[in-house]
């Protein structure tokens, strides 16, 4: 569909002005304002009309965001509900029924429902298609039993996106289905996993006879791998999309360099410039990729962004630690905490250094992402997989 960009831009400006005129940000609650923004189609402009969007190219979202930010309007809870906004929402938009979109998208946008992601398992981390959590049909419900691990924010979530095995007689990729699970169900047991930082933003989740209505299944039965791939592609773009120029990890280091001249030396200056340049290249590459996503659904190319993000975050945080010398080795608090949101750049250099170690694991390990890039982006010959066409129940475990 062809769009008159100037006409779309004018229409969006008018819609934002109307939203601000009808919803005084000094008097309405954040939730009410975000709800009104959703109803105006300004949440995700590329989503369908009636579901938080206007069906226009995603590239126009920046205009809307900039205009609202300039007016001091509140934005969505990306820190608290990043999985919902960055992963669940585009998956629901792509595969949800009309009823599911009506039910789930608006409260997700307003953060009335916070999401977590029940994908990885103790025996199926990098090989997601090998998940063993079982979902067995029982009338209009599915009964789910299994264990998930490395679940970010499960302690704060009301809903979860879940991949479970519904047909063990089919190959591991073909026997999966995708569900939205109620985390308040009494059969859901969330247990904290203490990390190297001292925090427990990750969890393990045990599912015991959890009942999920078939109405909460996204996509067809057995289509779970296809649906999950959409989630994973969005996850990698969300993690790897980076920050504005001199934002994120490189912003912390650049600010310290300017504010504390006593830390500087010529060798570190060279290294800082290298890291700054690589961060800027990654940012611009990510921007170009986002501009190509007119339909709003990323492909495997996002794996490159996430891979670059992980490597740079670890290099920059290591430089940050060295830059601060003895002060960089100090740590403020090892107390077990269960934070409300994930903050890669929060606290002091020691925290940022330790937290960055997880960047090459979460959201797809760097090793797996290199395979994805090689096979699905560059078109190189795939690895030989002997288990591809064997029924999951017959695979050695």
Protein backbone atom coordinates (compact mmCIF):
# COMPACT_ATOMS: atom_id res chain seq x y z
CA UNK A 1 0.00 0.00 0.00
CA UNK A 2 1.37 3.42 -0.95
CA UNK A 3 1.32 6.16 1.66
CA UNK A 4 1.39 9.91 1.19
CA UNK A 5 4.07 10.56 3.80
CA UNK A 6 3.28 14.26 4.19
CA UNK A 7 -0.42 13.56 4.64
CA UNK A 8 0.26 10.79 7.17
CA UNK A 9 2.64 13.07 9.06
CA UNK A 10 0.06 15.88 9.22
CA UNK A 11 -2.64 13.47 10.37
CA UNK A 12 -0.44 12.09 13.12
CA UNK A 13 0.43 15.59 14.32
CA UNK A 14 -3.27 16.43 14.54
CA UNK A 15 -4.04 13.22 16.41
CA UNK A 16 -1.28 13.87 18.94
CA UNK A 17 -2.46 17.45 19.45
CA UNK A 18 -6.02 16.20 20.00
CA UNK A 19 -4.81 13.58 22.46
CA UNK A 20 -2.91 16.20 24.47
CA UNK A 21 -5.80 18.66 24.37
CA UNK A 22 -8.30 16.09 25.64
CA UNK A 23 -6.01 14.53 28.25
CA UNK A 24 -4.19 16.99 30.49
CA UNK A 25 -1.07 15.15 31.61
CA UNK A 26 -1.12 17.11 34.88
CA UNK A 27 -4.52 15.80 35.90
CA UNK A 28 -5.06 12.35 34.36
CA UNK A 29 -3.27 9.24 35.60
CA UNK A 30 -0.49 7.66 33.58
CA UNK A 31 -2.66 4.61 32.98
CA UNK A 32 -5.58 6.71 31.73
CA UNK A 33 -3.34 8.75 29.44
CA UNK A 34 -1.75 5.63 27.95
CA UNK A 35 -5.22 4.14 27.48
CA UNK A 36 -6.33 7.24 25.59
CA UNK A 37 -3.15 7.08 23.50
CA UNK A 38 -3.90 3.46 22.65
CA UNK A 39 -7.48 4.31 21.67
CA UNK A 40 -6.19 7.07 19.40
CA UNK A 41 -4.01 4.57 17.53
CA UNK A 42 -0.78 6.14 18.74
CA UNK A 43 0.61 3.26 20.80
CA UNK A 44 2.08 1.29 17.90
CA UNK A 45 1.15 3.22 14.74
CA UNK A 46 1.91 0.21 12.50
CA UNK A 47 -0.56 -2.03 14.36
CA UNK A 48 -4.09 -2.42 12.94
CA UNK A 49 -6.71 0.21 13.64
CA UNK A 50 -8.64 -0.54 16.81
CA UNK A 51 -5.65 -2.32 18.34
CA UNK A 52 -3.43 0.59 19.28
CA UNK A 53 -2.42 1.50 15.74
CA UNK A 54 -3.40 3.15 12.49
CA UNK A 55 -1.94 0.73 9.96
CA UNK A 56 0.77 3.15 8.82
CA UNK A 57 4.50 2.38 8.48
CA UNK A 58 6.42 1.87 11.70
CA UNK A 59 8.84 4.63 10.74
CA UNK A 60 6.19 7.19 11.79
CA UNK A 61 6.36 6.02 15.40
CA UNK A 62 9.42 8.19 16.01
CA UNK A 63 7.46 11.31 15.06
CA UNK A 64 4.69 10.44 17.50
CA UNK A 65 7.12 9.62 20.31
CA UNK A 66 9.10 12.83 19.80
CA UNK A 67 6.00 15.02 19.84
CA UNK A 68 4.67 13.42 23.02
CA UNK A 69 8.06 13.56 24.75
CA UNK A 70 8.38 17.25 23.90
CA UNK A 71 5.00 17.83 25.57
CA UNK A 72 6.13 15.99 28.70
CA UNK A 73 3.61 13.20 28.25
CA UNK A 74 4.23 9.89 30.04
CA UNK A 75 5.48 6.97 27.98
CA UNK A 76 4.91 3.22 28.30
CA UNK A 77 6.56 1.26 31.13
CA UNK A 78 9.41 -0.17 29.06
CA UNK A 79 11.53 -1.01 32.10
CA UNK A 80 8.74 -2.74 33.97
CA UNK A 81 7.02 -4.40 31.02
CA UNK A 82 9.71 -4.69 28.37
CA UNK A 83 8.83 -8.29 27.56
CA UNK A 84 5.19 -7.39 27.10
CA UNK A 85 5.85 -4.35 24.95
CA UNK A 86 8.79 -5.67 22.95
CA UNK A 87 7.92 -9.33 22.53
CA UNK A 88 4.37 -10.27 23.50
CA UNK A 89 2.62 -7.36 21.79
CA UNK A 90 4.02 -7.87 18.27
CA UNK A 91 3.41 -11.61 18.58
CA UNK A 92 -0.21 -11.09 19.62
CA UNK A 93 -0.64 -8.58 16.78
CA UNK A 94 0.75 -11.07 14.27
CA UNK A 95 -0.98 -14.27 15.40
CA UNK A 96 -3.81 -13.30 17.74
CA UNK A 97 -7.46 -13.61 16.87
CA UNK A 98 -9.62 -10.50 16.89
CA UNK A 99 -10.85 -11.46 20.37
CA UNK A 100 -7.30 -12.00 21.66
CA UNK A 101 -6.13 -8.64 20.37
CA UNK A 102 -9.11 -6.95 22.01
CA UNK A 103 -8.48 -8.78 25.28
CA UNK A 104 -4.71 -8.51 25.66
CA UNK A 105 -3.21 -5.53 23.82
CA UNK A 106 -4.70 -2.53 25.63
CA UNK A 107 -3.97 -3.66 29.22
CA UNK A 108 -0.50 -4.72 28.07
CA UNK A 109 0.18 -1.23 26.71
CA UNK A 110 -1.05 0.49 29.89
CA UNK A 111 0.99 -1.95 32.08
CA UNK A 112 -2.15 -3.17 33.82
CA UNK A 113 -0.82 -6.59 32.87
CA UNK A 114 2.92 -7.21 33.02
CA UNK A 115 4.36 -10.12 31.03
CA UNK A 116 7.22 -12.56 31.41
CA UNK A 117 8.53 -15.18 28.97
CA UNK A 118 8.34 -18.92 29.73
CA UNK A 119 10.64 -20.30 27.04
CA UNK A 120 13.99 -21.68 28.28
CA UNK A 121 14.19 -24.88 30.31
CA UNK A 122 16.98 -26.62 32.25
CA UNK A 123 17.31 -29.14 29.41
CA UNK A 124 16.41 -26.79 26.56
CA UNK A 125 18.17 -23.46 26.79
CA UNK A 126 20.00 -22.83 23.56
CA UNK A 127 17.92 -25.52 21.81
CA UNK A 128 14.50 -24.01 22.44
CA UNK A 129 12.75 -26.52 20.16
CA UNK A 130 13.68 -29.28 22.63
CA UNK A 131 11.38 -27.99 25.40
CA UNK A 132 9.81 -30.74 27.51
CA UNK A 133 7.04 -28.81 29.29
CA UNK A 134 3.85 -30.66 28.33
CA UNK A 135 0.43 -29.28 27.55
CA UNK A 136 -2.32 -31.92 27.39
CA UNK A 137 -5.76 -31.10 26.03
CA UNK A 138 -8.66 -31.44 28.47
CA UNK A 139 -11.88 -30.22 26.90
CA UNK A 140 -11.62 -26.48 26.36
CA UNK A 141 -8.46 -26.27 28.46
CA UNK A 142 -4.85 -27.40 28.35
CA UNK A 143 -3.19 -28.84 31.46
CA UNK A 144 0.44 -27.79 31.63
CA UNK A 145 3.26 -29.37 33.62
CA UNK A 146 6.95 -28.57 33.46
CA UNK A 147 9.77 -26.27 34.52
CA UNK A 148 11.09 -23.07 32.98
CA UNK A 149 14.26 -21.19 33.87
CA UNK A 150 15.95 -17.79 33.42
CA UNK A 151 12.55 -16.09 33.46
CA UNK A 152 13.08 -12.35 33.73
CA UNK A 153 10.58 -10.51 35.89
CA UNK A 154 8.38 -13.51 36.67
CA UNK A 155 7.98 -12.20 40.22
CA UNK A 156 6.17 -9.13 38.88
CA UNK A 157 4.20 -10.67 36.00
CA UNK A 158 0.48 -11.35 35.73
CA UNK A 159 0.72 -13.08 32.34
CA UNK A 160 3.37 -15.05 30.46
CA UNK A 161 4.01 -16.12 26.90
CA UNK A 162 4.62 -19.86 27.04
CA UNK A 163 5.92 -22.50 24.62
CA UNK A 164 4.88 -26.06 25.50
CA UNK A 165 4.93 -29.45 23.81
CA UNK A 166 1.47 -30.56 22.71
CA UNK A 167 2.41 -33.50 20.46
CA UNK A 168 5.51 -35.53 21.43
CA UNK A 169 4.94 -37.88 18.49
CA UNK A 170 5.97 -35.17 16.03
CA UNK A 171 9.45 -33.73 15.44
CA UNK A 172 10.66 -31.28 18.05
CA UNK A 173 9.87 -28.18 15.97
CA UNK A 174 6.45 -29.42 14.83
CA UNK A 175 4.98 -30.56 18.15
CA UNK A 176 4.94 -27.21 19.96
CA UNK A 177 2.13 -24.78 20.71
CA UNK A 178 2.17 -21.25 22.07
CA UNK A 179 0.00 -19.99 24.93
CA UNK A 180 -0.67 -17.01 27.15
CA UNK A 181 -0.45 -18.28 30.72
CA UNK A 182 -1.96 -16.74 33.86
CA UNK A 183 0.93 -16.34 36.32
CA UNK A 184 -1.52 -15.97 39.23
CA UNK A 185 -2.71 -19.56 38.80
CA UNK A 186 -2.06 -21.56 42.03
CA UNK A 187 -0.12 -24.13 40.00
CA UNK A 188 2.56 -21.55 39.12
CA UNK A 189 5.54 -21.49 41.51
CA UNK A 190 8.12 -18.71 40.98
CA UNK A 191 11.51 -19.11 42.68
CA UNK A 192 14.31 -16.49 42.52
CA UNK A 193 17.70 -17.20 40.93
CA UNK A 194 20.44 -15.13 42.52
CA UNK A 195 22.81 -13.68 39.95
CA UNK A 196 26.44 -12.64 40.08
CA UNK A 197 25.26 -9.07 40.75
CA UNK A 198 23.48 -10.16 43.94
CA UNK A 199 20.09 -9.44 42.40
CA UNK A 200 17.45 -11.96 41.37
CA UNK A 201 15.78 -10.47 38.32
CA UNK A 202 15.73 -14.01 36.86
CA UNK A 203 13.63 -16.87 38.18
CA UNK A 204 12.86 -20.53 37.73
CA UNK A 205 9.17 -21.28 37.29
CA UNK A 206 7.49 -24.60 38.08
CA UNK A 207 4.16 -25.36 36.41
CA UNK A 208 1.99 -28.00 38.10
CA UNK A 209 -1.39 -28.85 36.55
CA UNK A 210 -1.80 -25.28 35.32
CA UNK A 211 -5.01 -24.89 33.34
CA UNK A 212 -4.83 -22.64 30.27
CA UNK A 213 -7.99 -22.05 28.20
CA UNK A 214 -7.64 -22.99 24.55
CA UNK A 215 -8.85 -19.45 23.90
CA UNK A 216 -5.40 -18.35 25.16
CA UNK A 217 -3.54 -20.32 22.48
CA UNK A 218 -1.78 -18.07 19.95
CA UNK A 219 -1.62 -19.57 16.47
CA UNK A 220 -2.73 -23.03 15.47
CA UNK A 221 -2.01 -26.12 17.53
CA UNK A 222 1.46 -27.30 16.54
CA UNK A 223 2.39 -23.86 15.17
CA UNK A 224 4.27 -22.87 18.31
CA UNK A 225 7.71 -22.78 16.74
CA UNK A 226 6.58 -20.34 14.05
CA UNK A 227 4.94 -18.10 16.64
CA UNK A 228 7.96 -18.33 18.96
CA UNK A 229 10.29 -17.34 16.12
CA UNK A 230 8.36 -14.09 15.77
CA UNK A 231 8.80 -13.47 19.49
CA UNK A 232 12.52 -14.25 19.37
CA UNK A 233 13.14 -11.98 16.38
CA UNK A 234 11.41 -9.13 18.19
CA UNK A 235 13.29 -9.93 21.40
CA UNK A 236 16.66 -9.65 19.67
CA UNK A 237 15.75 -6.33 18.11
CA UNK A 238 14.42 -5.08 21.47
CA UNK A 239 17.63 -6.04 23.30
CA UNK A 240 20.03 -5.06 20.56
CA UNK A 241 18.31 -1.93 19.25
CA UNK A 242 20.54 0.17 21.42
CA UNK A 243 20.19 3.64 22.86
CA UNK A 244 20.36 7.12 21.34
CA UNK A 245 23.74 8.55 20.43
CA UNK A 246 25.97 8.36 23.52
CA UNK A 247 23.24 6.58 25.42
CA UNK A 248 23.44 3.25 27.19
CA UNK A 249 26.79 1.86 28.30
CA UNK A 250 28.96 4.10 26.11
CA UNK A 251 27.14 7.14 27.46
CA UNK A 252 28.13 6.24 31.03
CA UNK A 253 31.78 5.93 30.08
CA UNK A 254 31.86 9.09 27.93
CA UNK A 255 30.28 11.11 30.75
CA UNK A 256 32.80 9.81 33.27
CA UNK A 257 35.62 10.72 30.86
CA UNK A 258 34.36 14.29 30.63
CA UNK A 259 33.53 14.73 34.32
CA UNK A 260 36.66 13.14 35.81
CA UNK A 261 39.73 14.29 33.84
CA UNK A 262 42.05 12.79 36.42
CA UNK A 263 41.09 9.32 35.14
CA UNK A 264 42.36 9.96 31.62
CA UNK A 265 45.52 8.73 29.91
CA UNK A 266 46.50 8.52 26.21
CA UNK A 267 46.13 4.74 25.94
CA UNK A 268 42.64 4.83 27.39
CA UNK A 269 41.74 7.69 25.07
CA UNK A 270 42.52 5.51 22.05
CA UNK A 271 40.46 2.64 23.44
CA UNK A 272 37.54 4.91 24.31
CA UNK A 273 37.47 6.31 20.77
CA UNK A 274 37.46 2.79 19.33
CA UNK A 275 34.55 1.75 21.54
CA UNK A 276 32.67 5.00 20.86
CA UNK A 277 33.06 4.51 17.10
CA UNK A 278 31.93 0.89 17.22
CA UNK A 279 28.92 1.86 19.34
CA UNK A 280 27.97 4.55 16.84
CA UNK A 281 28.32 2.12 13.93
CA UNK A 282 26.09 -0.36 15.76
CA UNK A 283 23.54 2.37 16.50
CA UNK A 284 23.38 3.52 12.88
CA UNK A 285 23.17 -0.05 11.61
CA UNK A 286 20.29 -0.69 13.97
CA UNK A 287 18.56 2.48 12.85
CA UNK A 288 18.84 1.43 9.21
CA UNK A 289 17.38 -1.98 10.06
CA UNK A 290 14.45 -0.45 11.94
CA UNK A 291 13.68 1.82 9.00
CA UNK A 292 13.45 -1.24 6.79
CA UNK A 293 10.82 -2.82 9.02
CA UNK A 294 7.84 -1.14 7.43
CA UNK A 295 5.63 -4.14 8.22
CA UNK A 296 6.74 -4.14 11.84
CA UNK A 297 7.94 -7.75 11.98
CA UNK A 298 11.73 -8.19 12.08
CA UNK A 299 13.51 -11.14 10.56
CA UNK A 300 16.72 -12.93 11.51
CA UNK A 301 18.78 -9.81 10.73
CA UNK A 302 18.03 -8.61 14.25
CA UNK A 303 20.33 -11.33 15.55
CA UNK A 304 23.28 -9.29 14.32
CA UNK A 305 22.17 -6.29 16.37
CA UNK A 306 21.83 -8.36 19.52
CA UNK A 307 25.18 -10.07 18.95
CA UNK A 308 26.93 -6.71 18.50
CA UNK A 309 25.18 -5.27 21.56
CA UNK A 310 26.35 -8.10 23.82
CA UNK A 311 29.98 -7.90 22.72
CA UNK A 312 30.14 -4.12 22.98
CA UNK A 313 28.43 -4.03 26.38
CA UNK A 314 31.01 -6.42 27.79
CA UNK A 315 33.95 -4.54 26.26
CA UNK A 316 32.70 -1.14 27.38
CA UNK A 317 31.87 -2.28 30.91
CA UNK A 318 35.35 -3.78 31.20
CA UNK A 319 36.86 -0.47 30.05
CA UNK A 320 34.61 1.32 32.55
CA UNK A 321 36.00 -0.81 35.37
CA UNK A 322 39.61 -0.14 34.38
CA UNK A 323 38.95 3.57 33.93
CA UNK A 324 37.83 3.90 37.55
CA UNK A 325 40.74 1.92 38.99
CA UNK A 326 40.30 0.96 42.65
CA UNK A 327 36.94 2.75 42.80
CA UNK A 328 35.72 0.49 40.02
CA UNK A 329 36.25 -2.54 42.26
CA UNK A 330 33.98 -1.21 44.99
CA UNK A 331 30.46 -2.68 45.10
CA UNK A 332 27.60 -0.96 46.86
CA UNK A 333 25.42 -3.84 48.00
CA UNK A 334 25.38 -7.63 47.57
CA UNK A 335 21.98 -7.99 49.25
CA UNK A 336 19.55 -10.24 47.39
CA UNK A 337 17.09 -7.96 45.63
CA UNK A 338 14.22 -8.70 43.27
CA UNK A 339 14.03 -5.56 41.12
CA UNK A 340 10.90 -4.31 39.39
CA UNK A 341 12.76 -3.75 36.13
CA UNK A 342 15.95 -4.65 34.29
CA UNK A 343 18.59 -1.92 34.16
CA UNK A 344 21.74 -2.79 32.22
CA UNK A 345 23.44 0.52 33.00
CA UNK A 346 22.30 1.19 36.55
CA UNK A 347 24.36 1.59 39.70
CA UNK A 348 28.17 1.68 39.68
CA UNK A 349 30.82 0.36 37.25
CA UNK A 350 31.17 -2.94 39.14
CA UNK A 351 27.48 -3.67 38.73
CA UNK A 352 27.51 -2.81 35.04
CA UNK A 353 30.53 -5.05 34.47
CA UNK A 354 28.96 -8.05 36.20
CA UNK A 355 25.49 -7.53 34.68
CA UNK A 356 26.95 -7.34 31.15
CA UNK A 357 28.21 -10.91 31.49
CA UNK A 358 24.65 -12.08 30.97
CA UNK A 359 24.17 -10.11 27.74
CA UNK A 360 25.76 -12.86 25.65
CA UNK A 361 23.39 -15.48 27.13
CA UNK A 362 19.97 -13.85 27.49
CA UNK A 363 17.83 -13.39 24.40
CA UNK A 364 19.73 -16.11 22.54
CA UNK A 365 23.35 -17.00 23.20
CA UNK A 366 25.99 -15.40 21.02
CA UNK A 367 26.94 -18.85 19.72
CA UNK A 368 23.39 -19.59 18.57
CA UNK A 369 23.04 -16.13 17.05
CA UNK A 370 26.17 -16.69 14.96
CA UNK A 371 24.51 -19.82 13.59
CA UNK A 372 21.33 -17.86 12.82
CA UNK A 373 23.31 -15.16 11.00
CA UNK A 374 25.35 -17.71 9.05
CA UNK A 375 22.42 -19.84 7.96
CA UNK A 376 19.44 -17.49 7.72
CA UNK A 377 21.09 -14.19 6.79
CA UNK A 378 24.22 -15.15 4.86
CA UNK A 379 22.76 -18.34 3.38
CA UNK A 380 25.71 -20.54 4.37
CA UNK A 381 25.22 -24.33 4.53
CA UNK A 382 23.43 -25.31 7.76
CA UNK A 383 24.88 -27.55 10.40
CA UNK A 384 24.00 -31.22 9.99
CA UNK A 385 21.10 -32.01 12.34
CA UNK A 386 20.33 -35.67 12.89
CA UNK A 387 17.32 -34.94 15.13
CA UNK A 388 15.37 -32.73 12.74
CA UNK A 389 12.89 -35.31 11.46
CA UNK A 390 12.74 -37.66 14.45
CA UNK A 391 9.72 -37.69 16.78
CA UNK A 392 10.55 -35.78 19.96
CA UNK A 393 9.59 -38.74 22.13
CA UNK A 394 12.23 -40.88 20.40
CA UNK A 395 15.09 -38.44 20.87
CA UNK A 396 17.80 -39.49 23.37
CA UNK A 397 17.73 -37.38 26.52
